[in-house]
Amino acid sequence: MHRTYSMRQSRAPTASQIESPPPPLSTTKSGRWLGKGGIGHAFRKNAAGAFGPDLAKKLSQLVKMEKNVMRSMELVARERMEVAQQLSIWGEACDEDVSDVTDKLGVLIYEIGELEDLFVDRYDQYRVTIKSIRNIEASVQPSRDRRQAEDHRRDRQAQVQGSQLPRIVVLEQELVRAEAESLVAEAQLSNITREKVKAAFQYQFDALREHCEKVAIVAGYGKHLLDLIDDTPVTPGETRHAYDGYDASKAIIQDCEDALSNWVSSKAVVKSSLSTRSRTLSQRHRSNVSKNREGVDLSSQDQPLPGDRDSWLPADQHPNYEDNEDGVSTIDGEVRGREEEREPIAA
């Protein structure tokens, strides 16, 4: 019997690959000068937090830890393929039904290993996007350090020579420029962080969803293969019926291949639905964000009071304005304005 370990002899693009082209090969699959794990994992994790700008240290450590995760997933994928081959080799010496089914199970398990290897490539998109945030943090650190240095220099100069010297004025101007530069860099960091975090975890969750659904598809067809094994107990000396499930096992493998090839994210079986409370709170939050983005309308605060005049008029333009003989302004007989103190006129 010809035994094969891979489900697909020709790598035609699947429907999901056409809908979302596969990413380039993971960056963790090359340059392994410290080995597959163990010491290499620990060194990468600890070294990332010990060097580099202070602002980027925590995220650098996260990036290296994710690299360790990907290396571990690569190791799992390779060993799963080796397990699939060994299962098929062991089944050759068994009865016909067990031999055929274990051979096809080896094909499915090998396919899971290949799916895990593809998952590593998609997972690397998430890691690379997080890495770009770390690079932005590292670029912001110099402007923050420059602002602190200018602040300390200004304070030190003021303590030594006083705050009125021309040198202090120059230092204050340099501090203003450093603060402006730092504010721009901090704003860019804030904006890019939000954008990249959303994009990074979008990559991760899309990759997880595709991988898990395809593994579930393989597991479902694997259980159909198990139905081909006759597990009815026999008495000593009794022979089983001849196995006639070769065509059925091949058909199951072909159905599994078709299901994997035609899977797209829009037809995913597992759907995440929010509760009424979660949906209401989420909509409220989005509404608040939208209002804050549009600003607050303050035009209604300047409306005229009821009964108030439409416009202000100078006193001399009022219709009932009069000037008496003493030069005192009156409106409707009421004295308006200040009465200046006048010195008595000498006789």
Protein backbone atom coordinates (compact mmCIF):
# COMPACT_ATOMS: atom_id res chain seq x y z
CA MET A 1 0.00 0.00 0.00
CA HIS A 2 1.26 3.45 -0.89
CA ARG A 3 1.32 5.51 2.27
CA THR A 4 1.37 9.29 2.21
CA TYR A 5 1.81 11.76 5.06
CA SER A 6 0.56 14.96 3.49
CA MET A 7 -3.05 15.58 2.56
CA ARG A 8 -2.29 17.91 -0.32
CA GLN A 9 0.32 16.88 -2.85
CA SER A 10 -0.14 20.11 -4.81
CA ARG A 11 -0.30 23.38 -2.89
CA ALA A 12 -3.13 25.16 -4.68
CA PRO A 13 -4.20 28.33 -2.85
CA THR A 14 -7.20 27.82 -0.60
CA ALA A 15 -10.23 30.11 -0.48
CA SER A 16 -8.99 31.76 2.72
CA GLN A 17 -5.58 32.38 1.10
CA ILE A 18 -7.29 34.01 -1.87
CA GLU A 19 -9.44 36.15 0.43
CA SER A 20 -6.47 37.04 2.66
CA PRO A 21 -3.06 36.34 1.05
CA PRO A 22 -0.67 34.45 3.33
CA PRO A 23 2.03 36.50 5.08
CA PRO A 24 5.75 36.04 4.40
CA LEU A 25 7.71 33.36 6.19
CA SER A 26 8.05 33.99 9.92
CA THR A 27 11.20 35.80 11.00
CA THR A 28 11.70 33.21 13.76
CA LYS A 29 12.37 30.40 11.28
CA SER A 30 15.88 31.57 10.54
CA GLY A 31 18.99 32.71 12.39
CA ARG A 32 18.79 30.30 15.31
CA TRP A 33 22.26 30.72 16.69
CA LEU A 34 21.14 29.99 20.26
CA GLY A 35 19.22 26.81 19.61
CA LYS A 36 15.54 25.91 19.70
CA GLY A 37 14.74 26.65 23.32
CA GLY A 38 15.93 26.41 26.90
CA ILE A 39 18.98 28.66 27.26
CA GLY A 40 18.14 30.58 24.10
CA HIS A 41 14.63 31.38 25.38
CA ALA A 42 15.88 32.60 28.76
CA PHE A 43 18.67 34.67 27.22
CA ARG A 44 16.35 36.44 24.78
CA LYS A 45 13.81 37.26 27.48
CA ASN A 46 16.32 38.60 30.02
CA ALA A 47 18.53 40.45 27.54
CA ALA A 48 15.56 42.35 26.10
CA GLY A 49 14.77 43.97 29.45
CA ALA A 50 18.38 44.83 30.28
CA PHE A 51 19.31 46.99 27.29
CA GLY A 52 17.80 49.79 25.25
CA PRO A 53 15.87 52.95 26.18
CA ASP A 54 13.87 52.84 29.42
CA LEU A 55 10.64 53.68 27.63
CA ALA A 56 10.91 50.64 25.33
CA LYS A 57 12.24 48.04 27.79
CA LYS A 58 8.91 46.50 28.79
CA LEU A 59 7.68 46.17 25.23
CA SER A 60 11.07 44.82 24.13
CA GLN A 61 10.69 42.05 26.67
CA LEU A 62 7.17 41.31 25.42
CA VAL A 63 8.43 41.07 21.82
CA LYS A 64 11.15 38.61 22.83
CA MET A 65 8.73 36.54 24.88
CA GLU A 66 6.42 36.31 21.86
CA LYS A 67 9.39 35.14 19.82
CA ASN A 68 9.89 32.35 22.34
CA VAL A 69 6.22 31.43 21.99
CA MET A 70 6.58 31.21 18.22
CA ARG A 71 9.70 29.07 18.48
CA SER A 72 7.78 26.71 20.76
CA MET A 73 4.89 26.54 18.30
CA GLU A 74 7.33 25.72 15.49
CA LEU A 75 8.74 22.89 17.60
CA VAL A 76 5.24 21.56 18.30
CA ALA A 77 4.37 21.68 14.59
CA ARG A 78 7.49 19.71 13.60
CA GLU A 79 7.05 17.11 16.30
CA ARG A 80 3.37 16.68 15.43
CA MET A 81 4.38 15.88 11.84
CA GLU A 82 6.89 13.33 13.13
CA VAL A 83 4.19 11.79 15.35
CA ALA A 84 1.88 11.50 12.33
CA GLN A 85 4.55 9.64 10.38
CA GLN A 86 5.27 7.30 13.28
CA LEU A 87 1.56 6.54 13.72
CA SER A 88 1.31 5.55 10.07
CA ILE A 89 4.44 3.39 10.32
CA TRP A 90 3.11 1.57 13.40
CA GLY A 91 -0.26 0.89 11.75
CA GLU A 92 1.31 -0.97 8.81
CA ALA A 93 1.68 -4.09 10.93
CA CYS A 94 -1.93 -4.04 12.20
CA ASP A 95 -5.11 -5.49 10.69
CA GLU A 96 -6.39 -4.01 7.46
CA ASP A 97 -8.99 -1.71 8.98
CA VAL A 98 -6.66 -0.41 11.71
CA SER A 99 -3.82 -0.08 9.18
CA ASP A 100 -5.93 1.94 6.74
CA VAL A 101 -7.50 4.18 9.37
CA THR A 102 -4.21 4.91 11.18
CA ASP A 103 -2.67 5.73 7.82
CA LYS A 104 -5.43 8.28 7.14
CA LEU A 105 -5.31 9.56 10.73
CA GLY A 106 -1.61 10.15 10.20
CA VAL A 107 -2.54 12.26 7.17
CA LEU A 108 -4.93 14.36 9.26
CA ILE A 109 -2.49 14.80 12.13
CA TYR A 110 0.24 15.76 9.69
CA GLU A 111 -2.15 18.35 8.25
CA ILE A 112 -2.65 19.79 11.76
CA GLY A 113 1.13 20.16 12.01
CA GLU A 114 1.18 22.02 8.71
CA LEU A 115 -1.67 24.26 9.88
CA GLU A 116 0.33 25.05 13.01
CA ASP A 117 3.32 25.94 10.87
CA LEU A 118 1.14 28.29 8.79
CA PHE A 119 -0.29 29.74 12.00
CA VAL A 120 3.21 30.72 13.09
CA ASP A 121 3.61 32.81 9.93
CA ARG A 122 0.34 34.65 10.58
CA TYR A 123 1.16 35.06 14.26
CA ASP A 124 4.40 36.76 13.28
CA GLN A 125 2.36 39.59 11.72
CA TYR A 126 1.09 40.38 15.21
CA ARG A 127 4.60 40.28 16.69
CA VAL A 128 6.10 42.49 14.00
CA THR A 129 3.33 45.09 14.49
CA ILE A 130 3.94 45.15 18.25
CA LYS A 131 7.64 45.48 17.48
CA SER A 132 6.93 48.65 15.48
CA ILE A 133 5.41 50.23 18.62
CA ARG A 134 8.61 49.40 20.47
CA ASN A 135 10.63 51.16 17.77
CA ILE A 136 8.45 54.28 18.11
CA GLU A 137 8.92 54.24 21.89
CA ALA A 138 12.67 54.02 21.43
CA SER A 139 12.60 57.03 19.08
CA VAL A 140 10.58 59.10 21.59
CA GLN A 141 13.01 58.49 24.45
CA PRO A 142 15.70 60.97 23.21
CA SER A 143 13.24 63.89 23.08
CA ARG A 144 12.07 63.08 26.60
CA ASP A 145 15.65 62.90 27.83
CA ARG A 146 16.48 66.20 26.09
CA ARG A 147 13.59 67.97 27.80
CA GLN A 148 14.67 66.71 31.23
CA ALA A 149 18.27 67.70 30.58
CA GLU A 150 17.29 71.24 29.55
CA ASP A 151 15.10 71.55 32.63
CA HIS A 152 17.92 70.46 34.95
CA ARG A 153 20.41 72.76 33.22
CA ARG A 154 18.10 75.76 33.57
CA ASP A 155 17.50 75.08 37.27
CA ARG A 156 21.19 74.59 37.98
CA GLN A 157 22.14 77.82 36.20
CA ALA A 158 19.45 79.77 38.06
CA GLN A 159 20.70 78.53 41.42
CA VAL A 160 24.28 79.53 40.63
CA GLN A 161 23.89 82.93 38.92
CA GLY A 162 20.34 84.12 39.53
CA SER A 163 17.32 84.22 37.26
CA GLN A 164 17.85 87.59 35.52
CA LEU A 165 20.98 86.86 33.51
CA PRO A 166 20.82 86.54 29.69
CA ARG A 167 22.07 82.96 29.94
CA ILE A 168 18.96 81.99 31.88
CA VAL A 169 16.75 83.50 29.17
CA VAL A 170 18.52 81.44 26.51
CA LEU A 171 18.14 78.27 28.58
CA GLU A 172 14.45 78.94 29.07
CA GLN A 173 14.00 79.32 25.31
CA GLU A 174 15.81 76.03 24.73
CA LEU A 175 13.60 74.41 27.35
CA VAL A 176 10.48 75.67 25.57
CA ARG A 177 11.70 74.21 22.28
CA ALA A 178 12.54 70.89 23.95
CA GLU A 179 9.09 70.74 25.57
CA ALA A 180 7.40 71.47 22.24
CA GLU A 181 9.41 68.74 20.54
CA SER A 182 8.59 66.31 23.34
CA LEU A 183 4.88 67.12 23.18
CA VAL A 184 4.80 66.38 19.45
CA ALA A 185 6.67 63.10 19.94
CA GLU A 186 4.41 62.03 22.83
CA ALA A 187 1.27 62.79 20.80
CA GLN A 188 2.57 60.76 17.86
CA LEU A 189 3.41 57.88 20.21
CA SER A 190 -0.09 57.97 21.69
CA ASN A 191 -1.76 57.95 18.27
CA ILE A 192 0.47 55.26 16.77
CA THR A 193 0.18 53.04 19.87
CA ARG A 194 -3.61 52.93 19.62
CA GLU A 195 -3.53 52.27 15.90
CA LYS A 196 -0.88 49.55 16.08
CA VAL A 197 -2.36 47.76 19.11
CA LYS A 198 -5.69 47.37 17.32
CA ALA A 199 -4.00 46.20 14.12
CA ALA A 200 -1.66 43.78 15.93
CA PHE A 201 -4.34 41.95 17.87
CA GLN A 202 -6.57 41.94 14.81
CA TYR A 203 -3.84 39.87 13.14
CA GLN A 204 -3.57 37.58 16.14
CA PHE A 205 -7.28 36.94 16.60
CA ASP A 206 -7.86 36.42 12.88
CA ALA A 207 -5.02 33.89 12.81
CA LEU A 208 -6.34 32.13 15.92
CA ARG A 209 -9.85 31.98 14.52
CA GLU A 210 -8.74 30.49 11.21
CA HIS A 211 -6.38 28.01 12.84
CA CYS A 212 -8.85 26.80 15.46
CA GLU A 213 -11.71 26.41 12.99
CA LYS A 214 -9.55 24.44 10.58
CA VAL A 215 -8.25 22.21 13.38
CA ALA A 216 -11.88 21.62 14.41
CA ILE A 217 -12.67 20.62 10.82
CA VAL A 218 -9.80 18.10 10.81
CA ALA A 219 -10.90 16.72 14.19
CA GLY A 220 -14.45 16.24 12.94
CA TYR A 221 -13.36 14.21 9.91
CA GLY A 222 -10.95 12.26 12.10
CA LYS A 223 -13.91 11.05 14.17
CA HIS A 224 -15.64 9.94 10.95
CA LEU A 225 -12.58 7.83 10.16
CA LEU A 226 -12.83 6.11 13.52
CA ASP A 227 -16.28 4.79 12.57
CA LEU A 228 -14.60 2.61 9.93
CA ILE A 229 -12.90 0.49 12.60
CA ASP A 230 -14.96 -2.53 13.65
CA ASP A 231 -14.56 -2.72 17.43
CA THR A 232 -17.00 -5.63 17.92
CA PRO A 233 -15.41 -8.18 20.29
CA VAL A 234 -14.58 -11.57 18.73
CA THR A 235 -14.07 -14.96 20.35
CA PRO A 236 -10.78 -16.83 20.02
CA GLY A 237 -10.50 -18.39 16.57
CA GLU A 238 -13.22 -16.22 15.06
CA THR A 239 -12.30 -14.15 12.01
CA ARG A 240 -13.59 -10.67 11.25
CA HIS A 241 -15.30 -9.66 8.07
CA ALA A 242 -13.07 -8.48 5.28
CA TYR A 243 -12.40 -4.76 5.42
CA ASP A 244 -13.96 -2.78 2.56
CA GLY A 245 -13.52 0.79 3.77
CA TYR A 246 -10.62 1.91 1.59
CA ASP A 247 -12.81 3.97 -0.71
CA ALA A 248 -14.69 5.44 2.25
CA SER A 249 -11.48 6.52 4.01
CA LYS A 250 -10.18 8.15 0.83
CA ALA A 251 -13.51 9.95 0.38
CA ILE A 252 -13.36 11.25 3.96
CA ILE A 253 -9.85 12.60 3.38
CA GLN A 254 -11.01 14.26 0.17
CA ASP A 255 -13.99 15.83 1.95
CA CYS A 256 -11.68 17.17 4.65
CA GLU A 257 -9.37 18.65 2.04
CA ASP A 258 -12.30 20.33 0.29
CA ALA A 259 -13.61 21.73 3.57
CA LEU A 260 -10.21 23.20 4.42
CA SER A 261 -9.74 24.61 0.92
CA ASN A 262 -13.17 26.28 0.86
CA TRP A 263 -13.07 27.75 4.37
CA VAL A 264 -13.29 31.54 4.56
CA SER A 265 -13.65 33.76 7.61
CA SER A 266 -17.06 35.04 6.48
CA LYS A 267 -18.43 31.47 6.77
CA ALA A 268 -16.89 30.72 10.16
CA VAL A 269 -19.06 28.49 12.32
CA VAL A 270 -18.16 29.95 15.71
CA LYS A 271 -19.70 33.39 16.19
CA SER A 272 -19.11 35.63 19.20
CA SER A 273 -22.34 37.27 20.38
CA LEU A 274 -22.51 39.96 23.05
CA SER A 275 -25.05 39.98 25.84
CA THR A 276 -27.60 42.79 25.98
CA ARG A 277 -25.68 44.49 28.79
CA SER A 278 -22.35 44.27 26.97
CA ARG A 279 -23.87 45.56 23.74
CA THR A 280 -25.51 48.50 25.53
CA LEU A 281 -22.32 49.48 27.36
CA SER A 282 -20.26 49.18 24.17
CA GLN A 283 -22.68 51.36 22.22
CA ARG A 284 -22.69 53.93 25.02
CA HIS A 285 -18.91 54.07 24.98
CA ARG A 286 -18.80 54.51 21.21
CA SER A 287 -21.39 57.30 21.45
CA ASN A 288 -19.33 59.11 24.10
CA VAL A 289 -16.19 58.80 21.97
CA SER A 290 -18.06 60.17 18.97
CA LYS A 291 -19.38 63.14 20.98
CA ASN A 292 -15.95 63.96 22.32
CA ARG A 293 -14.54 63.82 18.83
CA GLU A 294 -17.16 66.22 17.48
CA GLY A 295 -16.85 68.68 20.41
CA VAL A 296 -19.53 70.34 22.53
CA ASP A 297 -21.98 72.87 21.08
CA LEU A 298 -21.89 76.02 23.25
CA SER A 299 -23.95 78.28 20.99
CA SER A 300 -27.04 77.96 23.20
CA GLN A 301 -25.21 79.52 26.14
CA ASP A 302 -25.16 83.03 24.58
CA GLN A 303 -28.87 83.43 23.89
CA PRO A 304 -30.37 86.84 25.03
CA LEU A 305 -32.47 86.85 28.16
CA PRO A 306 -36.26 87.24 27.79
CA GLY A 307 -37.27 90.93 27.63
CA ASP A 308 -33.71 92.10 27.15
CA ARG A 309 -32.84 94.70 24.51
CA ASP A 310 -31.64 93.33 21.20
CA SER A 311 -28.64 95.59 21.14
CA TRP A 312 -26.79 98.13 23.28
CA LEU A 313 -27.05 101.86 22.50
CA PRO A 314 -24.84 104.72 23.69
CA ALA A 315 -26.55 107.06 26.14
CA ASP A 316 -26.65 110.03 23.74
CA GLN A 317 -28.54 107.91 21.18
CA HIS A 318 -31.30 106.91 23.58
CA PRO A 319 -34.68 108.46 22.52
CA ASN A 320 -35.35 109.93 26.02
CA TYR A 321 -31.85 111.32 26.49
CA GLU A 322 -31.62 114.93 27.75
CA ASP A 323 -28.84 117.30 28.85
CA ASN A 324 -29.93 119.85 31.49
CA GLU A 325 -28.41 123.25 32.09
CA ASP A 326 -25.85 121.91 34.55
CA GLY A 327 -24.54 119.43 31.96
CA VAL A 328 -26.02 116.42 33.82
CA SER A 329 -27.33 113.62 31.58
CA THR A 330 -30.77 112.23 32.36
CA ILE A 331 -32.95 109.52 30.84
CA ASP A 332 -36.66 109.67 31.74
CA GLY A 333 -35.76 112.13 34.48
CA GLU A 334 -33.16 109.84 36.08
CA VAL A 335 -29.59 111.04 36.48
CA ARG A 336 -27.12 108.84 34.58
CA GLY A 337 -23.35 108.81 34.82
CA ARG A 338 -21.01 110.12 37.51
CA GLU A 339 -21.30 113.52 39.12
CA GLU A 340 -17.87 115.03 39.25
CA GLU A 341 -16.97 117.09 42.28
CA ARG A 342 -16.77 120.73 41.25
CA GLU A 343 -14.93 123.45 43.11
CA PRO A 344 -17.05 126.44 44.04
CA ILE A 345 -16.64 129.39 41.70
CA ALA A 346 -15.08 132.37 43.40
CA ALA A 347 -17.26 135.42 43.54
